[in-house]
Protein backbone atom coordinates (compact mmCIF):
# COMPACT_ATOMS: atom_id res chain seq x y z
CA MET A 1 123.30 97.24 86.80
CA LYS A 2 126.78 96.83 85.47
CA SER A 3 126.94 94.25 82.76
CA ARG A 4 130.37 92.93 81.92
CA GLU A 5 132.33 89.72 82.14
CA ASP A 6 135.48 91.01 83.85
CA ASN A 7 136.41 93.46 86.58
CA ARG A 8 137.78 96.18 84.32
CA THR A 9 136.85 99.73 85.23
CA VAL A 10 133.97 100.94 83.05
CA VAL A 11 134.11 104.59 82.02
CA MET A 12 131.28 106.43 80.26
CA VAL A 13 132.55 109.38 78.20
CA VAL A 14 129.87 111.92 77.29
CA ASP A 15 131.15 114.39 74.68
CA ASP A 16 129.96 115.64 71.31
CA ALA A 17 133.53 116.23 70.04
CA VAL A 18 134.69 113.11 68.18
CA ASP A 19 138.38 114.10 68.23
CA SER A 20 138.25 114.57 72.00
CA ILE A 21 136.53 111.21 72.47
CA ARG A 22 139.13 109.46 70.32
CA MET A 23 142.03 110.83 72.34
CA ILE A 24 140.41 110.02 75.69
CA ASN A 25 139.32 106.57 74.50
CA ASP A 26 142.88 105.65 73.49
CA ALA A 27 144.28 106.74 76.86
CA LEU A 28 141.63 104.90 78.87
CA GLU A 29 141.90 101.69 76.86
CA GLU A 30 145.68 101.78 77.20
CA ALA A 31 145.12 101.99 80.97
CA GLY A 32 143.05 98.79 80.79
CA MET A 33 139.60 100.35 81.08
CA THR A 34 136.39 99.66 79.17
CA VAL A 35 134.96 102.77 77.49
CA LEU A 36 131.32 103.56 76.74
CA VAL A 37 130.68 106.55 74.48
CA ALA A 38 127.68 108.89 74.43
CA LEU A 39 127.64 111.78 71.94
CA GLU A 40 124.95 113.73 73.81
CA GLY A 41 123.02 113.79 77.07
CA ASN A 42 119.97 111.76 76.08
CA GLN A 43 122.20 108.97 74.82
CA ALA A 44 123.99 108.92 78.18
CA ILE A 45 120.63 108.64 79.98
CA THR A 46 119.65 105.71 77.74
CA ILE A 47 122.93 103.89 78.42
CA SER A 48 122.51 104.46 82.17
CA GLN A 49 119.22 102.54 82.17
CA ASN A 50 121.07 99.33 81.36
CA ILE A 51 124.66 99.84 82.53
CA THR A 52 126.10 101.59 85.58
CA PRO A 53 129.67 102.70 84.86
CA ASP A 54 132.32 103.13 87.54
CA VAL A 55 133.00 106.75 86.54
CA VAL A 56 131.62 109.30 84.06
CA LEU A 57 133.63 111.89 82.12
CA MET A 58 131.18 114.64 81.17
CA ASP A 59 131.60 117.44 78.64
CA ALA A 60 130.06 120.61 80.07
CA LEU A 61 128.75 122.18 76.86
CA MET A 62 126.78 120.00 74.44
CA PRO A 63 123.79 120.65 72.15
CA HIS A 64 120.22 119.70 73.19
CA MET A 65 121.11 118.80 76.80
CA ASP A 66 124.22 120.28 78.40
CA GLY A 67 126.48 118.37 80.75
CA PHE A 68 125.04 120.01 83.87
CA GLU A 69 121.48 118.83 83.16
CA THR A 70 122.74 115.41 82.05
CA CYS A 71 124.59 115.09 85.35
CA ARG A 72 121.49 116.01 87.34
CA ARG A 73 119.43 113.46 85.40
CA LEU A 74 121.99 110.72 85.97
CA LYS A 75 122.13 111.46 89.68
CA GLU A 76 118.37 110.96 89.96
CA ASN A 77 119.11 107.27 89.45
CA PRO A 78 120.06 105.76 92.86
CA ALA A 79 122.49 103.43 91.09
CA PHE A 80 124.58 106.54 90.34
CA THR A 81 124.80 107.66 93.97
CA ASP A 82 128.45 106.66 94.27
CA VAL A 83 129.43 107.07 90.61
CA PRO A 84 131.87 109.99 90.35
CA ILE A 85 131.15 112.41 87.50
CA ILE A 86 134.13 114.47 86.35
CA PHE A 87 133.44 117.45 84.12
CA MET A 88 135.61 118.22 81.09
CA THR A 89 135.42 121.80 79.96
CA GLY A 90 137.34 124.55 78.26
CA LEU A 91 135.63 126.91 80.69
CA SER A 92 137.61 127.37 83.88
CA ASP A 93 135.72 130.34 85.26
CA THR A 94 134.19 130.00 88.70
CA GLU A 95 130.57 130.09 87.50
CA HIS A 96 130.82 126.94 85.40
CA VAL A 97 132.94 125.10 87.98
CA VAL A 98 130.26 125.80 90.61
CA MET A 99 127.50 124.74 88.21
CA GLY A 100 129.22 121.41 87.64
CA LEU A 101 129.70 120.73 91.34
CA ASN A 102 126.13 121.79 92.17
CA ALA A 103 124.81 119.44 89.49
CA GLY A 104 126.45 116.48 91.23
CA GLY A 105 129.95 116.46 89.78
CA VAL A 106 132.94 115.70 92.00
CA ASP A 107 135.72 117.33 89.98
CA TYR A 108 136.61 118.99 86.67
CA VAL A 109 139.50 119.03 84.22
CA THR A 110 140.08 121.66 81.57
CA LYS A 111 140.51 121.05 77.86
CA PRO A 112 142.78 120.22 76.18
CA ILE A 113 142.85 117.19 78.45
CA ASN A 114 146.09 116.15 80.11
CA THR A 115 145.47 112.38 80.19
CA THR A 116 148.08 111.74 82.91
CA GLU A 117 146.33 114.21 85.21
CA LEU A 118 142.91 112.85 84.24
CA LEU A 119 143.86 109.25 85.09
CA ALA A 120 145.29 110.36 88.44
CA ARG A 121 142.10 112.24 89.35
CA MET A 122 139.96 109.30 88.23
CA ASP A 123 141.96 106.94 90.43
CA VAL A 124 141.35 109.09 93.52
CA HIS A 125 137.60 109.35 92.92
CA LEU A 126 137.24 105.66 92.03
CA THR A 127 138.93 104.71 95.31
CA ASN A 128 136.60 106.99 97.29
CA ALA A 129 133.53 105.63 95.47
CA ARG A 130 134.49 102.02 96.15
CA MET A 131 135.02 102.78 99.83
CA ALA A 132 131.56 104.40 100.01
CA ARG A 133 129.94 101.40 98.29
CA SER A 134 131.71 98.98 100.63
CA ALA A 135 130.48 100.93 103.65
CA ARG A 136 126.88 100.87 102.42
CA ASN A 137 127.06 97.18 101.57
CA ALA A 138 128.35 96.58 105.10
CA LEU A 139 125.36 98.47 106.52
CA ASP A 140 123.05 96.22 104.51
CA THR A 141 124.87 93.12 105.74
CA ALA A 142 124.33 94.32 109.30
CA GLY A 143 120.63 94.80 108.57
CA GLN A 144 120.68 98.58 108.97
CA ASN A 145 118.72 99.55 105.80
CA LEU A 146 119.71 103.21 105.92
CA PHE A 147 119.07 106.06 103.51
CA ALA A 148 119.34 109.84 103.51
CA VAL A 149 117.17 112.56 102.00
CA ASP A 150 117.27 116.35 101.85
CA LYS A 151 114.65 118.56 103.49
CA ARG A 152 112.42 118.16 100.40
CA GLY A 153 112.42 114.37 100.79
CA GLN A 154 114.67 113.89 97.75
CA LEU A 155 116.84 110.76 98.01
CA LEU A 156 120.55 111.56 98.46
CA TRP A 157 121.84 108.03 98.97
CA GLY A 158 120.72 104.68 100.27
CA THR A 159 122.13 101.25 100.99
CA PRO A 160 121.63 98.80 98.10
CA GLN A 161 118.80 96.97 99.85
CA VAL A 162 116.90 100.21 100.50
CA CYS A 163 117.34 101.39 96.92
CA ARG A 164 115.76 98.15 95.71
CA CYS A 165 112.75 98.74 97.98
CA LEU A 166 112.05 102.45 97.49
CA PRO A 167 109.97 103.77 94.57
CA GLN A 168 112.30 105.16 91.93
CA GLY A 169 112.48 107.84 89.25
CA GLN A 170 109.26 108.14 87.28
CA GLU A 171 107.27 105.58 89.28
CA PRO A 172 103.90 107.09 90.35
CA GLU A 173 104.68 106.31 93.99
CA ALA A 174 108.00 108.16 93.97
CA GLU A 175 106.66 111.73 94.10
CA ALA A 176 103.99 110.84 96.66
CA PHE A 177 106.63 109.21 98.89
CA ARG A 178 108.89 112.28 98.55
CA GLN A 179 106.04 114.61 99.54
CA GLN A 180 105.17 112.40 102.50
CA LEU A 181 108.76 112.56 103.73
CA GLU A 182 108.96 116.33 103.17
CA GLU A 183 105.83 116.97 105.22
CA TRP A 184 106.94 114.64 108.03
CA LEU A 185 110.44 116.11 108.26
CA GLY A 186 108.89 119.60 108.26
CA HIS A 187 107.39 118.77 111.67
CA ALA A 188 110.88 118.07 113.10
CA PRO A 189 110.41 114.50 114.38
CA GLU A 190 112.48 113.38 117.34
CA PRO A 191 115.20 110.71 116.86
CA GLY A 192 113.57 107.27 117.12
CA HIS A 193 110.16 108.46 115.88
CA SER A 194 108.69 106.45 113.00
CA MET A 195 106.23 107.20 110.22
CA PRO A 196 104.14 104.38 108.73
CA VAL A 197 104.30 104.16 104.94
CA ARG A 198 103.12 101.78 102.26
CA ILE A 199 105.57 101.03 99.45
CA HIS A 200 104.64 98.74 96.55
CA ASP A 201 101.64 97.54 98.60
CA THR A 202 103.94 96.51 101.47
CA PRO A 203 103.41 98.10 104.91
CA ARG A 204 106.66 99.57 106.18
CA SER A 205 107.84 102.37 108.43
CA VAL A 206 110.53 105.04 108.20
CA GLU A 207 112.49 105.76 111.38
CA TYR A 208 114.11 109.17 111.85
CA LEU A 209 117.68 108.88 113.18
CA THR A 210 119.40 112.28 112.92
CA VAL A 211 120.21 115.24 110.68
CA VAL A 212 123.75 115.76 109.41
CA ASP A 213 125.01 119.33 108.82
CA ASN A 214 121.41 120.54 108.95
CA GLN A 215 120.79 119.26 105.41
CA GLU A 216 121.07 115.43 105.25
CA TYR A 217 118.31 113.55 107.07
CA LEU A 218 119.39 110.03 108.02
CA LEU A 219 116.53 107.51 108.04
CA ARG A 220 116.02 103.76 108.44
CA LEU A 221 113.51 101.74 106.40
CA LYS A 222 111.78 99.09 108.50
CA THR A 223 109.28 96.32 107.90
CA PRO A 224 106.92 95.96 110.88
CA GLN A 225 106.88 92.45 112.29
CA ASN A 226 105.43 90.89 115.39
CA GLN A 227 107.44 88.39 117.40
CA ASN A 228 105.52 85.38 116.11
CA SER A 229 105.96 86.21 112.42
CA ALA A 230 109.66 87.02 112.93
CA ALA A 231 110.28 83.74 114.74
CA ALA A 232 108.37 81.87 112.02
CA LEU A 233 110.55 83.50 109.38
CA LEU A 234 113.73 82.40 111.15
CA ARG A 235 112.31 78.91 111.67
CA GLU A 236 111.61 78.50 107.96
CA ARG A 237 114.87 80.05 106.78
CA PHE A 238 117.18 78.02 108.99
CA GLN A 239 115.08 74.87 109.52
CA LEU A 240 114.85 75.43 113.28
CA THR A 241 112.48 74.03 115.85
CA LEU A 242 109.92 76.31 117.48
CA ARG A 243 112.07 76.84 120.59
CA GLU A 244 115.28 77.28 118.61
CA SER A 245 113.72 80.04 116.51
CA ASP A 246 112.44 81.79 119.66
CA VAL A 247 115.91 81.67 121.21
CA LEU A 248 117.55 82.96 118.02
CA LEU A 249 115.07 85.83 117.79
CA TRP A 250 115.88 87.00 121.31
CA ILE A 251 119.60 86.60 120.67
CA ALA A 252 119.14 88.94 117.69
CA ASN A 253 117.46 91.38 120.08
CA GLY A 254 120.55 91.41 122.32
CA LYS A 255 119.20 89.34 125.21
CA THR A 256 121.43 87.22 127.47
CA ASN A 257 120.79 83.51 128.15
CA ARG A 258 119.43 84.43 131.57
CA GLU A 259 117.03 87.01 130.12
CA ILE A 260 115.90 84.60 127.39
CA GLY A 261 115.28 81.94 130.01
CA GLN A 262 113.03 84.32 131.93
CA ILE A 263 111.14 85.35 128.79
CA LEU A 264 110.64 81.80 127.50
CA GLU A 265 110.30 80.25 130.96
CA MET A 266 113.21 77.84 130.67
CA SER A 267 116.55 77.48 132.45
CA PRO A 268 119.68 79.21 131.10
CA ARG A 269 121.14 75.72 130.62
CA THR A 270 118.24 74.76 128.35
CA VAL A 271 118.68 78.01 126.43
CA ASN A 272 122.33 77.10 125.92
CA LYS A 273 121.40 73.64 124.59
CA HIS A 274 119.06 75.22 122.06
CA LEU A 275 121.82 77.65 121.10
CA GLU A 276 124.21 74.79 120.39
CA GLN A 277 121.74 73.43 117.84
CA VAL A 278 121.18 76.91 116.39
CA PHE A 279 124.93 77.38 115.90
CA ARG A 280 125.19 74.01 114.17
CA LYS A 281 122.26 74.67 111.81
CA LEU A 282 123.46 78.20 110.95
CA GLY A 283 127.06 77.05 110.52
CA VAL A 284 128.40 79.64 112.98
CA GLU A 285 130.50 79.46 116.13
CA ASN A 286 129.11 82.12 118.46
CA ARG A 287 126.05 84.15 119.37
CA THR A 288 127.32 87.31 117.64
CA ALA A 289 127.52 85.53 114.29
CA ALA A 290 124.12 83.90 114.89
CA ALA A 291 122.57 87.29 115.70
CA ALA A 292 124.04 88.76 112.50
CA CYS A 293 122.49 85.94 110.42
CA ALA A 294 119.08 86.56 111.99
CA ILE A 295 119.26 90.34 111.56
CA ARG A 296 120.06 89.97 107.85
CA VAL A 297 117.05 87.72 107.29
CA LEU A 298 114.65 89.93 109.25
CA ALA A 299 115.95 93.13 107.63
CA VAL A 300 115.08 92.07 104.08
CA ALA A 301 111.78 90.39 104.86
């Protein structure tokens, strides 16, 4: 998690050259940014366990752990999914550029650093990263709980809610979960098919949605619920009556007043009266907003 009192951009600079760090630090601070310094890869990994920067500037060649391996290690942390890593290197040959991009970097600048160019590149990547985070937060708000893996079951990205639920990094469950996904995806499941899983002693299921560019498998994490438990959850969360929670549940499932009346054996007019009370208790004005409230609660249960 990011830990700071203001909204200044936080930049982690990973470089073993003190003179280079000093020059970059002065330019970034003058631009109003907060700078974190790591003199080698392991130090960067340690910092990343407590603070998630907005962007990382990574020296390619360092002793002990080079920038490419450091980048790969940082990208294993789901919190770094949208964090752009820009390589700084005196090596401009194709081999090292490709190595940096394959390790998870988004760009590179050559030394000696032109700070004006560096700040411009950072601005572009920061804007893209913030847009990606906003999109994933919106998916969570809509109760989508999406994530993507490669064909080996390795996590590529996930919405914030999913990342909080999935086993991470060195957790014993993480490798077992990856292998389970790899085996399942190897059997080419059809869109809509689900696989039951157990994560942190909680029964869940993973729904297969689609594959993007034949390499990114889009999945949805779900928590199995029956109608009674879901309605009870809504009743407790919003202080609803039994009938009000039933009506809200079916609204969240996209049913019309007429359909709900048939399901619950009541008139559409009675359904509408219950809905009026639901709107008042949820503090919303229409069924779309009420459905969104219910979906958010059920998605994180």
